[in-house]
Amino acid sequence: MIQTIPKLITFDEFLEWKPENGHYELHNGVIVEMANPTGKHSAIAGFQAFEFGLEIRRLQLPYFIPKECTIKFCDNSGYDPDVIVLDKQAVAANESRWERESVITEGDSIKLVVEVVSTNWRDDYAHKMIDYEALGIPEYWIVDYLGLGGSRYIGSPKQPTLSVYQLVDGEYQIKLFRGDERITSAVFPELNLTAVQIFNCG
């Protein structure tokens, strides 16, 4: 659902407007109200954050996973990913807006982003993928546990699919995972999870 507004707004105007209740993003100057996530959607995001957190602790990696975070693109877009893994040192060095606004502006500060697909699947597979790639985010996961995405993205017949986009020479290379296939991640190379484990939250 798109809010009726008199003009396109900037990212800073969006942050000033953004209410505490509800879930909103800014897409090319337009405020977009995001549907409230279902229980399964939230459970999958929580499960992934937990599993990534275990790897960070086990390997003593200098990363952290915030509860909330907005990624700023240019002056007129901002997304709130379902899960984001940040580099502590890069955030401390480069992100002047982090402490007061939970805003990230540099791709180098981000190790991995996860979007769990809901009815707005086109945003995850198209708009966000292009923006995440342009910002230089090294790894992007799309968790399509209901197989909603277009067949050009997840194949035909459609089925639950986890897509891992890894940045190689400035462009995303895509690997699709289904069922009991073990997911491969450059950020967490020792992660031992299958697609179906993520779809079923373990």
N, C-alpha and C. Protein backbone atom coordinates (compact mmCIF):
# COMPACT_ATOMS: atom_id res chain seq x y z
N MET A 1 0.84 -1.17 0.00
CA MET A 1 0.00 0.00 0.00
C MET A 1 0.89 1.24 0.00
N ILE A 2 0.66 2.18 -0.93
CA ILE A 2 1.47 3.38 -1.03
C ILE A 2 0.72 4.54 -0.40
N GLN A 3 1.42 5.27 0.48
CA GLN A 3 0.83 6.42 1.13
C GLN A 3 0.61 7.55 0.11
N THR A 4 -0.46 8.30 0.26
CA THR A 4 -0.69 9.46 -0.58
C THR A 4 0.11 10.63 -0.02
N ILE A 5 1.03 11.14 -0.82
CA ILE A 5 1.84 12.27 -0.38
C ILE A 5 1.89 13.30 -1.49
N PRO A 6 2.07 14.58 -1.15
CA PRO A 6 2.01 15.63 -2.16
C PRO A 6 3.22 15.67 -3.08
N LYS A 7 4.37 15.16 -2.65
CA LYS A 7 5.57 15.22 -3.47
C LYS A 7 6.51 14.10 -3.05
N LEU A 8 7.52 13.87 -3.88
CA LEU A 8 8.55 12.92 -3.50
C LEU A 8 9.35 13.53 -2.35
N ILE A 9 9.78 12.67 -1.44
CA ILE A 9 10.50 13.19 -0.27
C ILE A 9 11.90 12.61 -0.22
N THR A 10 12.75 13.28 0.55
CA THR A 10 14.12 12.83 0.72
C THR A 10 14.19 11.81 1.85
N PHE A 11 15.33 11.17 1.95
CA PHE A 11 15.54 10.20 3.02
C PHE A 11 15.44 10.86 4.39
N ASP A 12 16.03 12.05 4.53
CA ASP A 12 15.98 12.74 5.82
C ASP A 12 14.56 13.14 6.20
N GLU A 13 13.78 13.58 5.22
CA GLU A 13 12.37 13.90 5.49
C GLU A 13 11.61 12.64 5.90
N PHE A 14 11.95 11.53 5.27
CA PHE A 14 11.31 10.26 5.61
C PHE A 14 11.61 9.87 7.06
N LEU A 15 12.87 10.01 7.48
CA LEU A 15 13.22 9.66 8.87
C LEU A 15 12.49 10.55 9.87
N GLU A 16 12.34 11.83 9.55
CA GLU A 16 11.62 12.73 10.43
C GLU A 16 10.14 12.35 10.53
N TRP A 17 9.57 11.91 9.40
CA TRP A 17 8.15 11.55 9.35
C TRP A 17 7.86 10.19 9.97
N LYS A 18 8.77 9.26 9.83
CA LYS A 18 8.55 7.84 10.13
C LYS A 18 8.02 7.64 11.54
N PRO A 19 6.82 7.07 11.67
CA PRO A 19 6.25 6.83 13.00
C PRO A 19 6.89 5.63 13.67
N GLU A 20 6.75 5.55 14.99
CA GLU A 20 7.31 4.41 15.73
C GLU A 20 6.52 3.14 15.47
N ASN A 21 5.22 3.27 15.25
CA ASN A 21 4.39 2.10 14.96
C ASN A 21 4.27 1.93 13.45
N GLY A 22 4.18 0.69 13.03
CA GLY A 22 4.08 0.40 11.60
C GLY A 22 5.45 0.17 11.00
N HIS A 23 5.47 -0.33 9.78
CA HIS A 23 6.71 -0.66 9.09
C HIS A 23 6.69 0.02 7.74
N TYR A 24 7.60 0.95 7.54
CA TYR A 24 7.63 1.74 6.31
C TYR A 24 9.03 1.75 5.72
N GLU A 25 9.10 1.83 4.39
CA GLU A 25 10.35 2.02 3.69
C GLU A 25 10.17 3.16 2.70
N LEU A 26 11.27 3.68 2.20
CA LEU A 26 11.24 4.75 1.20
C LEU A 26 11.80 4.20 -0.10
N HIS A 27 10.96 4.18 -1.13
CA HIS A 27 11.35 3.66 -2.44
C HIS A 27 11.32 4.79 -3.45
N ASN A 28 12.48 5.29 -3.85
CA ASN A 28 12.58 6.36 -4.84
C ASN A 28 11.71 7.56 -4.50
N GLY A 29 11.78 7.99 -3.25
CA GLY A 29 11.06 9.17 -2.82
C GLY A 29 9.62 8.95 -2.42
N VAL A 30 9.14 7.70 -2.49
CA VAL A 30 7.75 7.39 -2.15
C VAL A 30 7.74 6.52 -0.89
N ILE A 31 6.92 6.92 0.09
CA ILE A 31 6.78 6.13 1.31
C ILE A 31 5.92 4.91 1.01
N VAL A 32 6.44 3.75 1.35
CA VAL A 32 5.73 2.49 1.11
C VAL A 32 5.47 1.83 2.47
N GLU A 33 4.19 1.56 2.74
CA GLU A 33 3.83 0.85 3.97
C GLU A 33 3.99 -0.64 3.71
N MET A 34 4.83 -1.28 4.50
CA MET A 34 5.09 -2.70 4.34
C MET A 34 4.08 -3.49 5.17
N ALA A 35 3.64 -4.61 4.60
CA ALA A 35 2.71 -5.46 5.34
C ALA A 35 3.38 -6.00 6.60
N ASN A 36 2.60 -6.14 7.66
CA ASN A 36 3.14 -6.75 8.87
C ASN A 36 3.55 -8.18 8.57
N PRO A 37 4.73 -8.60 9.02
CA PRO A 37 5.18 -9.96 8.72
C PRO A 37 4.31 -11.00 9.42
N THR A 38 4.15 -12.15 8.77
CA THR A 38 3.44 -13.26 9.39
C THR A 38 4.32 -13.88 10.47
N GLY A 39 3.73 -14.76 11.25
CA GLY A 39 4.50 -15.44 12.28
C GLY A 39 5.64 -16.24 11.69
N LYS A 40 5.39 -16.94 10.59
CA LYS A 40 6.44 -17.75 9.95
C LYS A 40 7.57 -16.86 9.43
N HIS A 41 7.21 -15.76 8.81
CA HIS A 41 8.19 -14.80 8.30
C HIS A 41 9.11 -14.35 9.45
N SER A 42 8.52 -13.94 10.56
CA SER A 42 9.29 -13.47 11.71
C SER A 42 10.14 -14.59 12.30
N ALA A 43 9.59 -15.79 12.35
CA ALA A 43 10.33 -16.93 12.92
C ALA A 43 11.55 -17.26 12.08
N ILE A 44 11.41 -17.22 10.76
CA ILE A 44 12.54 -17.51 9.87
C ILE A 44 13.63 -16.45 10.04
N ALA A 45 13.24 -15.18 10.07
CA ALA A 45 14.23 -14.12 10.26
C ALA A 45 14.94 -14.27 11.60
N GLY A 46 14.17 -14.57 12.65
CA GLY A 46 14.76 -14.76 13.97
C GLY A 46 15.70 -15.95 14.02
N PHE A 47 15.32 -17.04 13.37
CA PHE A 47 16.16 -18.23 13.33
C PHE A 47 17.49 -17.94 12.66
N GLN A 48 17.43 -17.22 11.53
CA GLN A 48 18.68 -16.90 10.83
C GLN A 48 19.58 -15.98 11.66
N ALA A 49 18.98 -14.97 12.27
CA ALA A 49 19.77 -14.08 13.12
C ALA A 49 20.44 -14.87 14.24
N PHE A 50 19.72 -15.82 14.83
CA PHE A 50 20.27 -16.65 15.90
C PHE A 50 21.44 -17.49 15.39
N GLU A 51 21.26 -18.15 14.24
CA GLU A 51 22.31 -19.01 13.70
C GLU A 51 23.54 -18.19 13.30
N PHE A 52 23.33 -17.01 12.70
CA PHE A 52 24.47 -16.15 12.37
C PHE A 52 25.18 -15.71 13.65
N GLY A 53 24.39 -15.39 14.67
CA GLY A 53 24.96 -14.97 15.95
C GLY A 53 25.82 -16.05 16.58
N LEU A 54 25.39 -17.30 16.46
CA LEU A 54 26.20 -18.41 16.98
C LEU A 54 27.54 -18.49 16.26
N GLU A 55 27.52 -18.31 14.93
CA GLU A 55 28.77 -18.34 14.17
C GLU A 55 29.68 -17.18 14.54
N ILE A 56 29.09 -16.00 14.71
CA ILE A 56 29.89 -14.83 15.09
C ILE A 56 30.57 -15.07 16.43
N ARG A 57 29.82 -15.62 17.38
CA ARG A 57 30.39 -15.88 18.71
C ARG A 57 31.42 -17.01 18.66
N ARG A 58 31.09 -18.09 17.97
CA ARG A 58 31.99 -19.25 17.92
C ARG A 58 33.34 -18.89 17.29
N LEU A 59 33.30 -18.11 16.21
CA LEU A 59 34.52 -17.75 15.48
C LEU A 59 35.11 -16.42 15.93
N GLN A 60 34.45 -15.79 16.90
CA GLN A 60 34.89 -14.49 17.43
C GLN A 60 35.10 -13.48 16.30
N LEU A 61 34.10 -13.40 15.43
CA LEU A 61 34.15 -12.47 14.31
C LEU A 61 33.76 -11.06 14.78
N PRO A 62 34.32 -10.02 14.18
CA PRO A 62 34.03 -8.65 14.61
C PRO A 62 32.75 -8.12 13.96
N TYR A 63 31.67 -8.90 14.08
CA TYR A 63 30.39 -8.53 13.47
C TYR A 63 29.33 -8.41 14.56
N PHE A 64 28.20 -7.77 14.20
CA PHE A 64 27.04 -7.77 15.08
C PHE A 64 25.77 -7.68 14.26
N ILE A 65 24.67 -8.07 14.90
CA ILE A 65 23.36 -8.10 14.23
C ILE A 65 22.41 -7.18 15.01
N PRO A 66 22.10 -6.02 14.47
CA PRO A 66 21.19 -5.11 15.18
C PRO A 66 19.74 -5.57 15.08
N LYS A 67 18.94 -5.15 16.04
CA LYS A 67 17.50 -5.45 16.00
C LYS A 67 16.82 -4.63 14.91
N GLU A 68 17.20 -3.36 14.78
CA GLU A 68 16.67 -2.50 13.73
C GLU A 68 17.82 -1.83 13.00
N CYS A 69 17.58 -1.56 11.72
CA CYS A 69 18.60 -0.89 10.91
C CYS A 69 17.94 -0.43 9.61
N THR A 70 18.27 0.78 9.19
CA THR A 70 17.81 1.27 7.89
C THR A 70 19.04 1.49 7.02
N ILE A 71 19.00 0.96 5.80
CA ILE A 71 20.07 1.17 4.83
C ILE A 71 19.65 2.31 3.92
N LYS A 72 20.47 3.34 3.84
CA LYS A 72 20.17 4.51 3.00
C LYS A 72 20.82 4.36 1.64
N PHE A 73 20.03 4.61 0.59
CA PHE A 73 20.53 4.62 -0.78
C PHE A 73 20.29 5.99 -1.39
N CYS A 74 21.31 6.60 -1.90
CA CYS A 74 21.19 7.94 -2.49
C CYS A 74 20.48 8.85 -1.50
N ASP A 75 19.64 9.74 -2.00
CA ASP A 75 18.93 10.66 -1.11
C ASP A 75 17.45 10.36 -1.01
N ASN A 76 16.99 9.28 -1.71
CA ASN A 76 15.54 9.09 -1.75
C ASN A 76 15.07 7.66 -1.55
N SER A 77 15.92 6.80 -1.00
CA SER A 77 15.50 5.42 -0.73
C SER A 77 16.12 4.91 0.57
N GLY A 78 15.36 4.09 1.29
CA GLY A 78 15.85 3.47 2.50
C GLY A 78 15.09 2.19 2.79
N TYR A 79 15.82 1.10 3.06
CA TYR A 79 15.21 -0.20 3.32
C TYR A 79 15.55 -0.68 4.72
N ASP A 80 14.62 -1.42 5.32
CA ASP A 80 14.84 -2.07 6.61
C ASP A 80 14.88 -3.58 6.38
N PRO A 81 16.06 -4.17 6.22
CA PRO A 81 16.12 -5.61 5.92
C PRO A 81 15.64 -6.45 7.09
N ASP A 82 15.26 -7.70 6.79
CA ASP A 82 14.80 -8.61 7.84
C ASP A 82 15.94 -9.00 8.77
N VAL A 83 17.12 -9.21 8.22
CA VAL A 83 18.32 -9.50 9.01
C VAL A 83 19.49 -8.79 8.34
N ILE A 84 20.36 -8.20 9.15
CA ILE A 84 21.57 -7.58 8.61
C ILE A 84 22.73 -7.87 9.54
N VAL A 85 23.86 -8.22 8.94
CA VAL A 85 25.09 -8.47 9.70
C VAL A 85 26.05 -7.33 9.38
N LEU A 86 26.48 -6.62 10.43
CA LEU A 86 27.32 -5.45 10.27
C LEU A 86 28.73 -5.70 10.79
N ASP A 87 29.69 -5.00 10.19
CA ASP A 87 31.09 -5.05 10.60
C ASP A 87 31.32 -3.97 11.65
N LYS A 88 31.66 -4.36 12.87
CA LYS A 88 31.81 -3.40 13.97
C LYS A 88 32.82 -2.29 13.65
N GLN A 89 33.97 -2.68 13.12
CA GLN A 89 35.02 -1.69 12.88
C GLN A 89 34.63 -0.71 11.78
N ALA A 90 34.02 -1.21 10.71
CA ALA A 90 33.61 -0.33 9.62
C ALA A 90 32.51 0.63 10.06
N VAL A 91 31.58 0.13 10.87
CA VAL A 91 30.50 0.99 11.37
C VAL A 91 31.10 2.10 12.24
N ALA A 92 32.01 1.73 13.13
CA ALA A 92 32.63 2.73 14.02
C ALA A 92 33.40 3.78 13.23
N ALA A 93 34.06 3.35 12.14
CA ALA A 93 34.90 4.27 11.38
C ALA A 93 34.13 5.13 10.38
N ASN A 94 33.05 4.58 9.81
CA ASN A 94 32.44 5.22 8.63
C ASN A 94 31.00 5.68 8.78
N GLU A 95 30.33 5.28 9.85
CA GLU A 95 28.88 5.52 9.90
C GLU A 95 28.53 6.56 10.96
N SER A 96 28.53 7.83 10.56
CA SER A 96 28.27 8.92 11.49
C SER A 96 26.81 8.96 11.97
N ARG A 97 25.90 8.31 11.23
CA ARG A 97 24.48 8.35 11.60
C ARG A 97 24.06 7.15 12.44
N TRP A 98 24.97 6.19 12.63
CA TRP A 98 24.57 4.94 13.28
C TRP A 98 24.11 5.15 14.72
N GLU A 99 24.89 5.83 15.52
CA GLU A 99 24.60 5.94 16.94
C GLU A 99 23.27 6.62 17.23
N ARG A 100 22.92 7.64 16.47
CA ARG A 100 21.69 8.37 16.80
C ARG A 100 20.47 7.94 15.98
N GLU A 101 20.70 7.26 14.82
CA GLU A 101 19.56 6.96 13.94
C GLU A 101 19.47 5.50 13.48
N SER A 102 20.46 4.67 13.79
CA SER A 102 20.53 3.28 13.29
C SER A 102 20.49 3.24 11.76
N VAL A 103 21.19 4.19 11.13
CA VAL A 103 21.25 4.29 9.67
C VAL A 103 22.63 3.89 9.18
N ILE A 104 22.66 3.05 8.14
CA ILE A 104 23.89 2.62 7.49
C ILE A 104 23.90 3.18 6.06
N THR A 105 25.04 3.75 5.66
CA THR A 105 25.12 4.38 4.33
C THR A 105 26.20 3.76 3.44
N GLU A 106 27.11 2.97 4.01
CA GLU A 106 28.25 2.44 3.26
C GLU A 106 28.15 0.92 3.13
N GLY A 107 28.33 0.44 1.91
CA GLY A 107 28.29 -1.00 1.69
C GLY A 107 29.38 -1.75 2.45
N ASP A 108 30.53 -1.10 2.68
CA ASP A 108 31.63 -1.74 3.41
C ASP A 108 31.27 -2.07 4.85
N SER A 109 30.25 -1.40 5.38
CA SER A 109 29.83 -1.65 6.76
C SER A 109 29.00 -2.93 6.89
N ILE A 110 28.51 -3.43 5.77
CA ILE A 110 27.57 -4.55 5.76
C ILE A 110 28.27 -5.81 5.26
N LYS A 111 28.10 -6.90 5.99
CA LYS A 111 28.65 -8.18 5.55
C LYS A 111 27.58 -9.00 4.80
N LEU A 112 26.35 -8.95 5.29
CA LEU A 112 25.30 -9.80 4.72
C LEU A 112 23.93 -9.21 5.04
N VAL A 113 23.03 -9.30 4.07
CA VAL A 113 21.64 -8.85 4.24
C VAL A 113 20.72 -10.01 3.88
N VAL A 114 19.63 -10.16 4.64
CA VAL A 114 18.62 -11.19 4.35
C VAL A 114 17.27 -10.52 4.20
N GLU A 115 16.55 -10.88 3.15
CA GLU A 115 15.15 -10.51 2.99
C GLU A 115 14.34 -11.81 2.94
N VAL A 116 13.31 -11.90 3.78
CA VAL A 116 12.38 -13.03 3.75
C VAL A 116 11.19 -12.59 2.89
N VAL A 117 10.91 -13.35 1.86
CA VAL A 117 9.93 -12.95 0.85
C VAL A 117 8.51 -12.99 1.40
N SER A 118 7.75 -11.95 1.08
CA SER A 118 6.30 -11.95 1.32
C SER A 118 5.63 -11.55 0.02
N THR A 119 4.45 -11.03 0.07
CA THR A 119 3.68 -10.77 -1.16
C THR A 119 4.36 -9.75 -2.07
N ASN A 120 5.24 -8.91 -1.53
CA ASN A 120 5.94 -7.92 -2.36
C ASN A 120 7.27 -8.48 -2.89
N TRP A 121 7.24 -9.69 -3.42
CA TRP A 121 8.47 -10.37 -3.82
C TRP A 121 9.25 -9.62 -4.88
N ARG A 122 8.56 -8.82 -5.71
CA ARG A 122 9.28 -8.08 -6.75
C ARG A 122 10.29 -7.11 -6.16
N ASP A 123 9.97 -6.54 -5.00
CA ASP A 123 10.93 -5.63 -4.34
C ASP A 123 12.21 -6.36 -4.00
N ASP A 124 12.10 -7.57 -3.45
CA ASP A 124 13.28 -8.32 -3.01
C ASP A 124 14.13 -8.79 -4.19
N TYR A 125 13.49 -9.32 -5.22
CA TYR A 125 14.23 -9.88 -6.35
C TYR A 125 14.72 -8.83 -7.34
N ALA A 126 14.06 -7.69 -7.41
CA ALA A 126 14.42 -6.68 -8.42
C ALA A 126 15.01 -5.43 -7.79
N HIS A 127 14.17 -4.59 -7.22
CA HIS A 127 14.63 -3.28 -6.73
C HIS A 127 15.73 -3.40 -5.68
N LYS A 128 15.49 -4.21 -4.66
CA LYS A 128 16.48 -4.30 -3.57
C LYS A 128 17.76 -4.97 -4.05
N MET A 129 17.63 -5.99 -4.88
CA MET A 129 18.82 -6.66 -5.40
C MET A 129 19.71 -5.66 -6.15
N ILE A 130 19.11 -4.83 -6.99
CA ILE A 130 19.87 -3.85 -7.76
C ILE A 130 20.55 -2.84 -6.83
N ASP A 131 19.81 -2.36 -5.83
CA ASP A 131 20.37 -1.37 -4.91
C ASP A 131 21.45 -1.97 -4.01
N TYR A 132 21.23 -3.19 -3.51
CA TYR A 132 22.24 -3.84 -2.67
C TYR A 132 23.52 -4.08 -3.47
N GLU A 133 23.37 -4.49 -4.73
CA GLU A 133 24.52 -4.71 -5.59
C GLU A 133 25.27 -3.40 -5.83
N ALA A 134 24.53 -2.34 -6.13
CA ALA A 134 25.15 -1.04 -6.40
C ALA A 134 25.89 -0.49 -5.19
N LEU A 135 25.37 -0.76 -3.99
CA LEU A 135 26.02 -0.29 -2.76
C LEU A 135 27.26 -1.12 -2.43
N GLY A 136 27.39 -2.28 -3.05
CA GLY A 136 28.55 -3.13 -2.82
C GLY A 136 28.41 -4.06 -1.64
N ILE A 137 27.18 -4.43 -1.28
CA ILE A 137 26.97 -5.38 -0.19
C ILE A 137 27.42 -6.76 -0.66
N PRO A 138 28.37 -7.39 0.03
CA PRO A 138 29.00 -8.59 -0.50
C PRO A 138 28.11 -9.82 -0.60
N GLU A 139 27.09 -9.92 0.26
CA GLU A 139 26.24 -11.11 0.20
C GLU A 139 24.80 -10.75 0.56
N TYR A 140 23.87 -11.27 -0.24
CA TYR A 140 22.44 -10.99 -0.08
C TYR A 140 21.67 -12.29 -0.23
N TRP A 141 20.89 -12.62 0.81
CA TRP A 141 20.07 -13.83 0.78
C TRP A 141 18.60 -13.45 0.61
N ILE A 142 17.92 -14.17 -0.28
CA ILE A 142 16.47 -14.05 -0.42
C ILE A 142 15.87 -15.39 -0.01
N VAL A 143 15.09 -15.38 1.06
CA VAL A 143 14.49 -16.60 1.59
C VAL A 143 13.03 -16.64 1.13
N ASP A 144 12.77 -17.40 0.10
CA ASP A 144 11.43 -17.50 -0.50
C ASP A 144 10.80 -18.82 -0.06
N TYR A 145 10.37 -18.88 1.20
CA TYR A 145 9.92 -20.14 1.79
C TYR A 145 8.59 -20.63 1.25
N LEU A 146 7.84 -19.76 0.57
CA LEU A 146 6.58 -20.17 -0.05
C LEU A 146 6.69 -20.34 -1.57
N GLY A 147 7.84 -20.05 -2.12
CA GLY A 147 8.01 -20.15 -3.57
C GLY A 147 7.15 -19.14 -4.31
N LEU A 148 7.15 -17.89 -3.86
CA LEU A 148 6.31 -16.85 -4.45
C LEU A 148 6.96 -16.12 -5.61
N GLY A 149 8.28 -16.11 -5.67
CA GLY A 149 9.00 -15.32 -6.67
C GLY A 149 8.69 -15.75 -8.09
N GLY A 150 8.98 -14.85 -9.02
CA GLY A 150 8.77 -15.15 -10.43
C GLY A 150 9.60 -16.34 -10.88
N SER A 151 9.10 -17.07 -11.85
CA SER A 151 9.81 -18.27 -12.32
C SER A 151 11.17 -17.92 -12.90
N ARG A 152 11.35 -16.71 -13.40
CA ARG A 152 12.67 -16.33 -13.93
C ARG A 152 13.71 -16.23 -12.82
N TYR A 153 13.24 -16.10 -11.56
CA TYR A 153 14.16 -16.02 -10.43
C TYR A 153 14.35 -17.37 -9.74
N ILE A 154 13.28 -18.15 -9.60
CA ILE A 154 13.38 -19.40 -8.83
C ILE A 154 13.10 -20.65 -9.65
N GLY A 155 12.84 -20.48 -10.96
CA GLY A 155 12.62 -21.64 -11.81
C GLY A 155 11.18 -22.07 -11.85
N SER A 156 10.91 -23.07 -12.68
CA SER A 156 9.57 -23.60 -12.85
C SER A 156 9.64 -25.13 -12.84
N PRO A 157 8.76 -25.80 -12.12
CA PRO A 157 7.69 -25.25 -11.29
C PRO A 157 8.26 -24.54 -10.06
N LYS A 158 7.50 -23.55 -9.59
CA LYS A 158 7.95 -22.80 -8.42
C LYS A 158 7.98 -23.71 -7.20
N GLN A 159 8.99 -23.48 -6.36
CA GLN A 159 9.10 -24.23 -5.11
C GLN A 159 9.90 -23.38 -4.12
N PRO A 160 9.81 -23.69 -2.83
CA PRO A 160 10.58 -22.92 -1.85
C PRO A 160 12.06 -22.90 -2.23
N THR A 161 12.63 -21.70 -2.25
CA THR A 161 14.00 -21.52 -2.74
C THR A 161 14.71 -20.47 -1.89
N LEU A 162 15.96 -20.74 -1.56
CA LEU A 162 16.81 -19.76 -0.92
C LEU A 162 17.87 -19.34 -1.94
N SER A 163 17.90 -18.06 -2.28
CA SER A 163 18.85 -17.54 -3.26
C SER A 163 19.95 -16.80 -2.54
N VAL A 164 21.19 -17.14 -2.85
CA VAL A 164 22.35 -16.45 -2.28
C VAL A 164 23.03 -15.68 -3.41
N TYR A 165 23.07 -14.37 -3.25
CA TYR A 165 23.72 -13.47 -4.21
C TYR A 165 25.07 -13.07 -3.61
N GLN A 166 26.16 -13.38 -4.32
CA GLN A 166 27.49 -13.02 -3.84
C GLN A 166 28.14 -12.08 -4.84
N LEU A 167 28.73 -11.01 -4.32
CA LEU A 167 29.33 -9.98 -5.17
C LEU A 167 30.68 -10.45 -5.70
N VAL A 168 30.79 -10.52 -7.02
CA VAL A 168 32.03 -10.90 -7.70
C VAL A 168 32.31 -9.86 -8.78
N ASP A 169 33.41 -9.15 -8.64
CA ASP A 169 33.77 -8.08 -9.58
C ASP A 169 32.63 -7.08 -9.78
N GLY A 170 32.00 -6.72 -8.66
CA GLY A 170 30.97 -5.68 -8.70
C GLY A 170 29.59 -6.13 -9.15
N GLU A 171 29.43 -7.44 -9.44
CA GLU A 171 28.13 -7.96 -9.86
C GLU A 171 27.76 -9.19 -9.04
N TYR A 172 26.47 -9.34 -8.79
CA TYR A 172 26.01 -10.50 -8.04
C TYR A 172 26.01 -11.76 -8.90
N GLN A 173 26.58 -12.82 -8.35
CA GLN A 173 26.47 -14.16 -8.90
C GLN A 173 25.47 -14.91 -8.01
N ILE A 174 24.57 -15.66 -8.61
CA ILE A 174 23.44 -16.24 -7.87
C ILE A 174 23.56 -17.75 -7.77
N LYS A 175 23.30 -18.27 -6.57
CA LYS A 175 23.18 -19.71 -6.35
C LYS A 175 21.84 -19.97 -5.69
N LEU A 176 21.13 -20.99 -6.17
CA LEU A 176 19.82 -21.34 -5.62
C LEU A 176 19.95 -22.62 -4.80
N PHE A 177 19.28 -22.62 -3.64
CA PHE A 177 19.32 -23.78 -2.74
C PHE A 177 17.90 -24.20 -2.40
N ARG A 178 17.68 -25.53 -2.40
CA ARG A 178 16.36 -26.09 -2.09
C ARG A 178 16.55 -27.35 -1.25
N GLY A 179 15.50 -27.71 -0.54
CA GLY A 179 15.50 -28.98 0.18
C GLY A 179 16.69 -29.14 1.11
N ASP A 180 17.38 -30.28 1.01
CA ASP A 180 18.48 -30.62 1.92
C ASP A 180 19.84 -30.13 1.42
N GLU A 181 19.84 -29.24 0.43
CA GLU A 181 21.13 -28.72 -0.04
C GLU A 181 21.75 -27.81 1.02
N ARG A 182 23.02 -28.03 1.31
CA ARG A 182 23.72 -27.19 2.28
C ARG A 182 24.03 -25.84 1.63
N ILE A 183 23.71 -24.78 2.35
CA ILE A 183 23.92 -23.43 1.84
C ILE A 183 25.39 -23.08 1.94
N THR A 184 25.92 -22.46 0.89
CA THR A 184 27.30 -22.00 0.92
C THR A 184 27.30 -20.48 1.03
N SER A 185 28.11 -19.99 1.95
CA SER A 185 28.19 -18.56 2.24
C SER A 185 29.64 -18.15 2.33
N ALA A 186 30.00 -17.07 1.64
CA ALA A 186 31.36 -16.55 1.74
C ALA A 186 31.57 -15.85 3.08
N VAL A 187 30.52 -15.28 3.64
CA VAL A 187 30.62 -14.58 4.92
C VAL A 187 30.74 -15.56 6.08
N PHE A 188 29.96 -16.66 6.01
CA PHE A 188 30.01 -17.70 7.05
C PHE A 188 30.30 -19.05 6.38
N PRO A 189 31.56 -19.26 5.96
CA PRO A 189 31.88 -20.46 5.19
C PRO A 189 31.70 -21.77 5.94
N GLU A 190 31.71 -21.74 7.29
CA GLU A 190 31.54 -22.97 8.06
C GLU A 190 30.10 -23.19 8.51
N LEU A 191 29.19 -22.32 8.08
CA LEU A 191 27.78 -22.46 8.44
C LEU A 191 27.25 -23.80 7.92
N ASN A 192 26.60 -24.55 8.80
CA ASN A 192 26.11 -25.87 8.41
C ASN A 192 24.59 -25.88 8.48
N LEU A 193 23.96 -25.30 7.47
CA LEU A 193 22.51 -25.22 7.40
C LEU A 193 22.04 -25.57 6.00
N THR A 194 20.89 -26.21 5.93
CA THR A 194 20.27 -26.49 4.64
C THR A 194 19.11 -25.52 4.43
N ALA A 195 18.65 -25.46 3.19
CA ALA A 195 17.52 -24.60 2.87
C ALA A 195 16.30 -25.00 3.69
N VAL A 196 16.01 -26.28 3.76
CA VAL A 196 14.80 -26.73 4.45
C VAL A 196 14.89 -26.45 5.96
N GLN A 197 16.08 -26.49 6.53
CA GLN A 197 16.24 -26.14 7.94
C GLN A 197 15.84 -24.68 8.18
N ILE A 198 16.22 -23.82 7.26
CA ILE A 198 15.86 -22.40 7.39
C ILE A 198 14.36 -22.23 7.18
N PHE A 199 13.79 -22.89 6.17
CA PHE A 199 12.36 -22.77 5.92
C PHE A 199 11.53 -23.27 7.12
N ASN A 200 12.06 -24.28 7.82
CA ASN A 200 11.35 -24.86 8.96
C ASN A 200 11.85 -24.33 10.29
N CYS A 201 12.72 -23.31 10.26
CA CYS A 201 13.30 -22.73 11.49
C CYS A 201 13.99 -23.80 12.33
N GLY A 202 14.73 -24.68 11.66
CA GLY A 202 15.47 -25.71 12.36
C GLY A 202 14.85 -27.06 12.19
